[in-house]
Amino acid sequence: MKGIVFTEFMEMVESIYGLETVDSLLENCDLPSGGAYTSVGTYDFNEMVSLISELSEKKSVSQEDLLYSFGHHLFVGLVDAHPEVVSSYRTPIGLLHCIEDHIHIHVKKLYPDAELPQFKILSKTDNSLEMIYSSSRGLYALAHGLIVKTFEHFGKLAKVEYKLLNENGTEVKFTILQNG
């Protein structure tokens, strides 16, 4: 997993829970990297699982809620770092519709070995989108947070529903209806 994800996660933890919590996570998790993350490094996905599990236990927040919050945080970080990627879209539905054809291609140019989820578009209108999220990592709650934050970024509201298509969350159907 790309280091930028780890550094953004640790920034989120610090901003919400403080530096003491970051230190506690790094001390209590058995991390092969030692928790010395750089944005250009690559780290084992299991380290992220350990960090999320430990934070969930320490703060009594579900892992799903933590990943959803991380989706919000990650979207802001991506827009700050690469505003040109988002600025070429006029609507949140337009941006989400082009995840595979534009956004992920741009991400792959920046991070060639990144393992990205796949989004298969089932249907699209001006105010709705149905898509299937697929990823061996099952981080659908992170995707959910990114989707909701996309609408907030454009000053829009949306009803975002999802249905797990398998119990481990590696395939999830998102149904998005923009309000107004």
C-alpha atoms as a PDB file:
ATOM      1  CA  MET A   1       0.000   0.000   0.000  1.00  0.00           C
ATOM      2  CA  LYS A   2       1.318   3.432  -0.916  1.00  0.00           C
ATOM      3  CA  GLY A   3       2.908   5.490   1.812  1.00  0.00           C
ATOM      4  CA  ILE A   4       0.750   8.507   1.031  1.00  0.00           C
ATOM      5  CA  VAL A   5      -2.229   6.558   2.387  1.00  0.00           C
ATOM      6  CA  PHE A   6      -0.363   5.836   5.627  1.00  0.00           C
ATOM      7  CA  THR A   7       0.832   9.414   6.063  1.00  0.00           C
ATOM      8  CA  GLU A   8      -2.681  10.752   5.390  1.00  0.00           C
ATOM      9  CA  PHE A   9      -4.135   8.243   7.882  1.00  0.00           C
ATOM     10  CA  MET A  10      -1.690   9.282  10.588  1.00  0.00           C
ATOM     11  CA  GLU A  11      -2.444  12.965   9.873  1.00  0.00           C
ATOM     12  CA  MET A  12      -6.148  12.233  10.303  1.00  0.00           C
ATOM     13  CA  VAL A  13      -5.527  10.393  13.586  1.00  0.00           C
ATOM     14  CA  GLU A  14      -3.428  13.278  14.889  1.00  0.00           C
ATOM     15  CA  SER A  15      -5.974  15.918  13.853  1.00  0.00           C
ATOM     16  CA  ILE A  16      -8.896  14.078  15.477  1.00  0.00           C
ATOM     17  CA  TYR A  17      -7.325  12.260  18.436  1.00  0.00           C
ATOM     18  CA  GLY A  18      -3.994  14.012  19.026  1.00  0.00           C
ATOM     19  CA  LEU A  19      -0.317  13.178  18.870  1.00  0.00           C
ATOM     20  CA  GLU A  20      -0.497  10.990  21.992  1.00  0.00           C
ATOM     21  CA  THR A  21      -2.867   8.644  20.158  1.00  0.00           C
ATOM     22  CA  VAL A  22      -0.500   8.478  17.176  1.00  0.00           C
ATOM     23  CA  ASP A  23       2.367   7.603  19.529  1.00  0.00           C
ATOM     24  CA  SER A  24       0.224   4.988  21.266  1.00  0.00           C
ATOM     25  CA  LEU A  25      -0.714   3.368  17.958  1.00  0.00           C
ATOM     26  CA  LEU A  26       2.892   3.186  16.855  1.00  0.00           C
ATOM     27  CA  GLU A  27       3.947   1.704  20.202  1.00  0.00           C
ATOM     28  CA  ASN A  28       1.127  -0.844  20.493  1.00  0.00           C
ATOM     29  CA  CYS A  29       1.033  -2.174  16.929  1.00  0.00           C
ATOM     30  CA  ASP A  30       3.646  -4.648  15.771  1.00  0.00           C
ATOM     31  CA  LEU A  31       4.613  -2.789  12.608  1.00  0.00           C
ATOM     32  CA  PRO A  32       7.389  -4.242  10.421  1.00  0.00           C
ATOM     33  CA  SER A  33       8.178  -0.709   9.194  1.00  0.00           C
ATOM     34  CA  GLY A  34       8.291   0.602  12.740  1.00  0.00           C
ATOM     35  CA  GLY A  35       5.691   3.167  11.693  1.00  0.00           C
ATOM     36  CA  ALA A  36       8.272   5.348   9.967  1.00  0.00           C
ATOM     37  CA  TYR A  37       6.064   6.184   6.983  1.00  0.00           C
ATOM     38  CA  THR A  38       6.996   8.377   4.062  1.00  0.00           C
ATOM     39  CA  SER A  39       4.610   9.433   1.311  1.00  0.00           C
ATOM     40  CA  VAL A  40       6.809   7.818  -1.355  1.00  0.00           C
ATOM     41  CA  GLY A  41       7.294   4.481   0.426  1.00  0.00           C
ATOM     42  CA  THR A  42       5.294   1.279   0.050  1.00  0.00           C
ATOM     43  CA  TYR A  43       4.094  -0.632   3.100  1.00  0.00           C
ATOM     44  CA  ASP A  44       2.303  -3.857   3.870  1.00  0.00           C
ATOM     45  CA  PHE A  45      -1.482  -3.504   3.897  1.00  0.00           C
ATOM     46  CA  ASN A  46      -1.568  -5.497   7.139  1.00  0.00           C
ATOM     47  CA  GLU A  47       0.065  -2.547   8.878  1.00  0.00           C
ATOM     48  CA  MET A  48      -2.979  -0.424   7.990  1.00  0.00           C
ATOM     49  CA  VAL A  49      -5.244  -3.187   9.283  1.00  0.00           C
ATOM     50  CA  SER A  50      -3.298  -3.207  12.570  1.00  0.00           C
ATOM     51  CA  LEU A  51      -3.475   0.569  12.932  1.00  0.00           C
ATOM     52  CA  ILE A  52      -7.215   0.700  12.234  1.00  0.00           C
ATOM     53  CA  SER A  53      -7.926  -2.230  14.565  1.00  0.00           C
ATOM     54  CA  GLU A  54      -5.913  -0.696  17.394  1.00  0.00           C
ATOM     55  CA  LEU A  55      -7.477   2.751  16.935  1.00  0.00           C
ATOM     56  CA  SER A  56     -10.949   1.224  16.820  1.00  0.00           C
ATOM     57  CA  GLU A  57     -10.341  -0.596  20.091  1.00  0.00           C
ATOM     58  CA  LYS A  58      -8.673   2.362  21.851  1.00  0.00           C
ATOM     59  CA  LYS A  59     -11.329   4.899  20.875  1.00  0.00           C
ATOM     60  CA  SER A  60     -14.389   2.610  20.812  1.00  0.00           C
ATOM     61  CA  VAL A  61     -15.165   3.629  17.238  1.00  0.00           C
ATOM     62  CA  SER A  62     -16.086   1.017  14.654  1.00  0.00           C
ATOM     63  CA  GLN A  63     -13.537   0.263  11.968  1.00  0.00           C
ATOM     64  CA  GLU A  64     -16.187   1.108   9.385  1.00  0.00           C
ATOM     65  CA  ASP A  65     -16.682   4.581  10.909  1.00  0.00           C
ATOM     66  CA  LEU A  66     -12.921   5.160  11.003  1.00  0.00           C
ATOM     67  CA  LEU A  67     -12.580   4.202   7.341  1.00  0.00           C
ATOM     68  CA  TYR A  68     -15.538   6.410   6.405  1.00  0.00           C
ATOM     69  CA  SER A  69     -13.881   9.365   8.200  1.00  0.00           C
ATOM     70  CA  PHE A  70     -10.614   8.524   6.510  1.00  0.00           C
ATOM     71  CA  GLY A  71     -12.382   8.704   3.137  1.00  0.00           C
ATOM     72  CA  HIS A  72     -13.389  12.292   3.956  1.00  0.00           C
ATOM     73  CA  HIS A  73      -9.878  13.170   5.052  1.00  0.00           C
ATOM     74  CA  LEU A  74      -8.258  11.473   2.065  1.00  0.00           C
ATOM     75  CA  PHE A  75     -10.459  13.337  -0.428  1.00  0.00           C
ATOM     76  CA  VAL A  76      -9.398  16.683   1.033  1.00  0.00           C
ATOM     77  CA  GLY A  77      -5.754  15.622   0.910  1.00  0.00           C
ATOM     78  CA  LEU A  78      -6.036  14.501  -2.700  1.00  0.00           C
ATOM     79  CA  VAL A  79      -7.710  17.755  -3.751  1.00  0.00           C
ATOM     80  CA  ASP A  80      -5.030  19.775  -1.943  1.00  0.00           C
ATOM     81  CA  ALA A  81      -2.206  17.768  -3.538  1.00  0.00           C
ATOM     82  CA  HIS A  82      -3.713  17.405  -7.030  1.00  0.00           C
ATOM     83  CA  PRO A  83      -6.403  20.047  -7.574  1.00  0.00           C
ATOM     84  CA  GLU A  84      -6.198  19.640 -11.342  1.00  0.00           C
ATOM     85  CA  VAL A  85      -7.665  16.143 -11.104  1.00  0.00           C
ATOM     86  CA  VAL A  86     -10.930  17.350  -9.576  1.00  0.00           C
ATOM     87  CA  SER A  87     -11.144  20.823 -11.110  1.00  0.00           C
ATOM     88  CA  SER A  88     -11.830  19.457 -14.582  1.00  0.00           C
ATOM     89  CA  TYR A  89     -15.241  18.174 -13.428  1.00  0.00           C
ATOM     90  CA  ARG A  90     -18.362  20.288 -13.096  1.00  0.00           C
ATOM     91  CA  THR A  91     -20.463  17.821 -11.077  1.00  0.00           C
ATOM     92  CA  PRO A  92     -19.852  15.151  -8.468  1.00  0.00           C
ATOM     93  CA  ILE A  93     -21.698  12.561 -10.583  1.00  0.00           C
ATOM     94  CA  GLY A  94     -19.435  13.440 -13.507  1.00  0.00           C
ATOM     95  CA  LEU A  95     -16.332  12.943 -11.378  1.00  0.00           C
ATOM     96  CA  LEU A  96     -17.523   9.644  -9.896  1.00  0.00           C
ATOM     97  CA  HIS A  97     -18.568   8.388 -13.323  1.00  0.00           C
ATOM     98  CA  CYS A  98     -14.992   8.875 -14.557  1.00  0.00           C
ATOM     99  CA  ILE A  99     -13.130   7.197 -11.704  1.00  0.00           C
ATOM    100  CA  GLU A 100     -11.879   4.324 -13.864  1.00  0.00           C
ATOM    101  CA  ASP A 101     -11.348   6.262 -17.097  1.00  0.00           C
ATOM    102  CA  HIS A 102      -9.618   9.331 -15.685  1.00  0.00           C
ATOM    103  CA  ILE A 103      -9.030   9.475 -11.928  1.00  0.00           C
ATOM    104  CA  HIS A 104      -7.443   6.039 -11.577  1.00  0.00           C
ATOM    105  CA  ILE A 105      -5.361   6.562 -14.729  1.00  0.00           C
ATOM    106  CA  HIS A 106      -3.994   9.763 -13.169  1.00  0.00           C
ATOM    107  CA  VAL A 107      -3.317   7.954  -9.870  1.00  0.00           C
ATOM    108  CA  LYS A 108      -1.509   5.139 -11.724  1.00  0.00           C
ATOM    109  CA  LYS A 109       0.755   7.713 -13.398  1.00  0.00           C
ATOM    110  CA  LEU A 110       1.695   9.065  -9.964  1.00  0.00           C
ATOM    111  CA  TYR A 111       1.836   5.662  -8.230  1.00  0.00           C
ATOM    112  CA  PRO A 112       2.385   2.923 -10.850  1.00  0.00           C
ATOM    113  CA  ASP A 113       2.242   0.039  -8.376  1.00  0.00           C
ATOM    114  CA  ALA A 114      -0.871   1.247  -6.523  1.00  0.00           C
ATOM    115  CA  GLU A 115      -3.574  -1.385  -6.036  1.00  0.00           C
ATOM    116  CA  LEU A 116      -6.766   0.512  -6.744  1.00  0.00           C
ATOM    117  CA  PRO A 117     -10.336  -0.688  -6.360  1.00  0.00           C
ATOM    118  CA  GLN A 118     -12.456  -1.092  -9.449  1.00  0.00           C
ATOM    119  CA  PHE A 119     -15.725   0.724 -10.052  1.00  0.00           C
ATOM    120  CA  LYS A 120     -18.121  -0.720 -12.602  1.00  0.00           C
ATOM    121  CA  ILE A 121     -20.829   1.743 -13.609  1.00  0.00           C
ATOM    122  CA  LEU A 122     -24.255   0.105 -13.825  1.00  0.00           C
ATOM    123  CA  SER A 123     -26.316   3.195 -14.628  1.00  0.00           C
ATOM    124  CA  LYS A 124     -25.951   6.974 -14.710  1.00  0.00           C
ATOM    125  CA  THR A 125     -28.301   9.932 -15.043  1.00  0.00           C
ATOM    126  CA  ASP A 126     -27.720  13.618 -14.311  1.00  0.00           C
ATOM    127  CA  ASN A 127     -28.767  13.017 -10.678  1.00  0.00           C
ATOM    128  CA  SER A 128     -28.015   9.354 -10.002  1.00  0.00           C
ATOM    129  CA  LEU A 129     -25.325   6.760 -10.275  1.00  0.00           C
ATOM    130  CA  GLU A 130     -25.211   3.050  -9.561  1.00  0.00           C
ATOM    131  CA  MET A 131     -21.874   1.293  -9.424  1.00  0.00           C
ATOM    132  CA  ILE A 132     -20.170  -1.806  -8.117  1.00  0.00           C
ATOM    133  CA  TYR A 133     -17.069  -1.339  -5.963  1.00  0.00           C
ATOM    134  CA  SER A 134     -14.633  -4.269  -6.126  1.00  0.00           C
ATOM    135  CA  SER A 135     -11.452  -4.606  -4.111  1.00  0.00           C
ATOM    136  CA  SER A 136      -9.703  -7.513  -2.429  1.00  0.00           C
ATOM    137  CA  ARG A 137      -9.128  -5.197   0.540  1.00  0.00           C
ATOM    138  CA  GLY A 138     -12.800  -4.571   1.291  1.00  0.00           C
ATOM    139  CA  LEU A 139     -12.388  -0.879   2.085  1.00  0.00           C
ATOM    140  CA  TYR A 140     -15.894   0.026   0.931  1.00  0.00           C
ATOM    141  CA  ALA A 141     -16.399   2.340   3.937  1.00  0.00           C
ATOM    142  CA  LEU A 142     -13.400   4.378   2.748  1.00  0.00           C
ATOM    143  CA  ALA A 143     -14.982   4.559  -0.718  1.00  0.00           C
ATOM    144  CA  HIS A 144     -18.271   5.603   0.907  1.00  0.00           C
ATOM    145  CA  GLY A 145     -16.512   8.466   2.693  1.00  0.00           C
ATOM    146  CA  LEU A 146     -14.792   9.553  -0.527  1.00  0.00           C
ATOM    147  CA  ILE A 147     -18.139   9.532  -2.375  1.00  0.00           C
ATOM    148  CA  VAL A 148     -19.913  11.637   0.252  1.00  0.00           C
ATOM    149  CA  LYS A 149     -17.008  14.094   0.435  1.00  0.00           C
ATOM    150  CA  THR A 150     -17.064  14.399  -3.363  1.00  0.00           C
ATOM    151  CA  PHE A 151     -20.616  15.744  -3.154  1.00  0.00           C
ATOM    152  CA  GLU A 152     -19.712  18.080  -0.293  1.00  0.00           C
ATOM    153  CA  HIS A 153     -16.787  19.408  -2.337  1.00  0.00           C
ATOM    154  CA  PHE A 154     -19.210  20.403  -5.089  1.00  0.00           C
ATOM    155  CA  GLY A 155     -21.660  21.909  -2.581  1.00  0.00           C
ATOM    156  CA  LYS A 156     -24.243  19.186  -3.206  1.00  0.00           C
ATOM    157  CA  LEU A 157     -26.093  16.694  -1.051  1.00  0.00           C
ATOM    158  CA  ALA A 158     -26.712  13.100  -1.975  1.00  0.00           C
ATOM    159  CA  LYS A 159     -28.313  10.001  -0.574  1.00  0.00           C
ATOM    160  CA  VAL A 160     -25.651   7.294  -0.745  1.00  0.00           C
ATOM    161  CA  GLU A 161     -26.762   3.752  -0.069  1.00  0.00           C
ATOM    162  CA  TYR A 162     -24.715   0.615  -0.338  1.00  0.00           C
ATOM    163  CA  LYS A 163     -25.357  -3.099  -0.298  1.00  0.00           C
ATOM    164  CA  LEU A 164     -22.656  -5.640   0.445  1.00  0.00           C
ATOM    165  CA  LEU A 165     -22.688  -8.247  -2.303  1.00  0.00           C
ATOM    166  CA  ASN A 166     -20.559 -10.571  -0.189  1.00  0.00           C
ATOM    167  CA  GLU A 167     -19.934 -10.748   3.534  1.00  0.00           C
ATOM    168  CA  ASN A 168     -16.321  -9.532   3.455  1.00  0.00           C
ATOM    169  CA  GLY A 169     -17.191  -6.302   1.612  1.00  0.00           C
ATOM    170  CA  THR A 170     -14.960  -6.916  -1.384  1.00  0.00           C
ATOM    171  CA  GLU A 171     -17.924  -6.298  -3.699  1.00  0.00           C
ATOM    172  CA  VAL A 172     -20.407  -3.578  -2.845  1.00  0.00           C
ATOM    173  CA  LYS A 173     -23.162  -1.933  -4.845  1.00  0.00           C
ATOM    174  CA  PHE A 174     -23.433   1.829  -4.332  1.00  0.00           C
ATOM    175  CA  THR A 175     -26.637   3.640  -5.252  1.00  0.00           C
ATOM    176  CA  ILE A 176     -26.256   7.420  -5.279  1.00  0.00           C
ATOM    177  CA  LEU A 177     -29.075   9.924  -5.678  1.00  0.00           C
ATOM    178  CA  GLN A 178     -28.159  13.605  -5.740  1.00  0.00           C
ATOM    179  CA  ASN A 179     -30.609  15.907  -3.949  1.00  0.00           C
ATOM    180  CA  GLY A 180     -31.523  18.993  -5.923  1.00  0.00           C
END
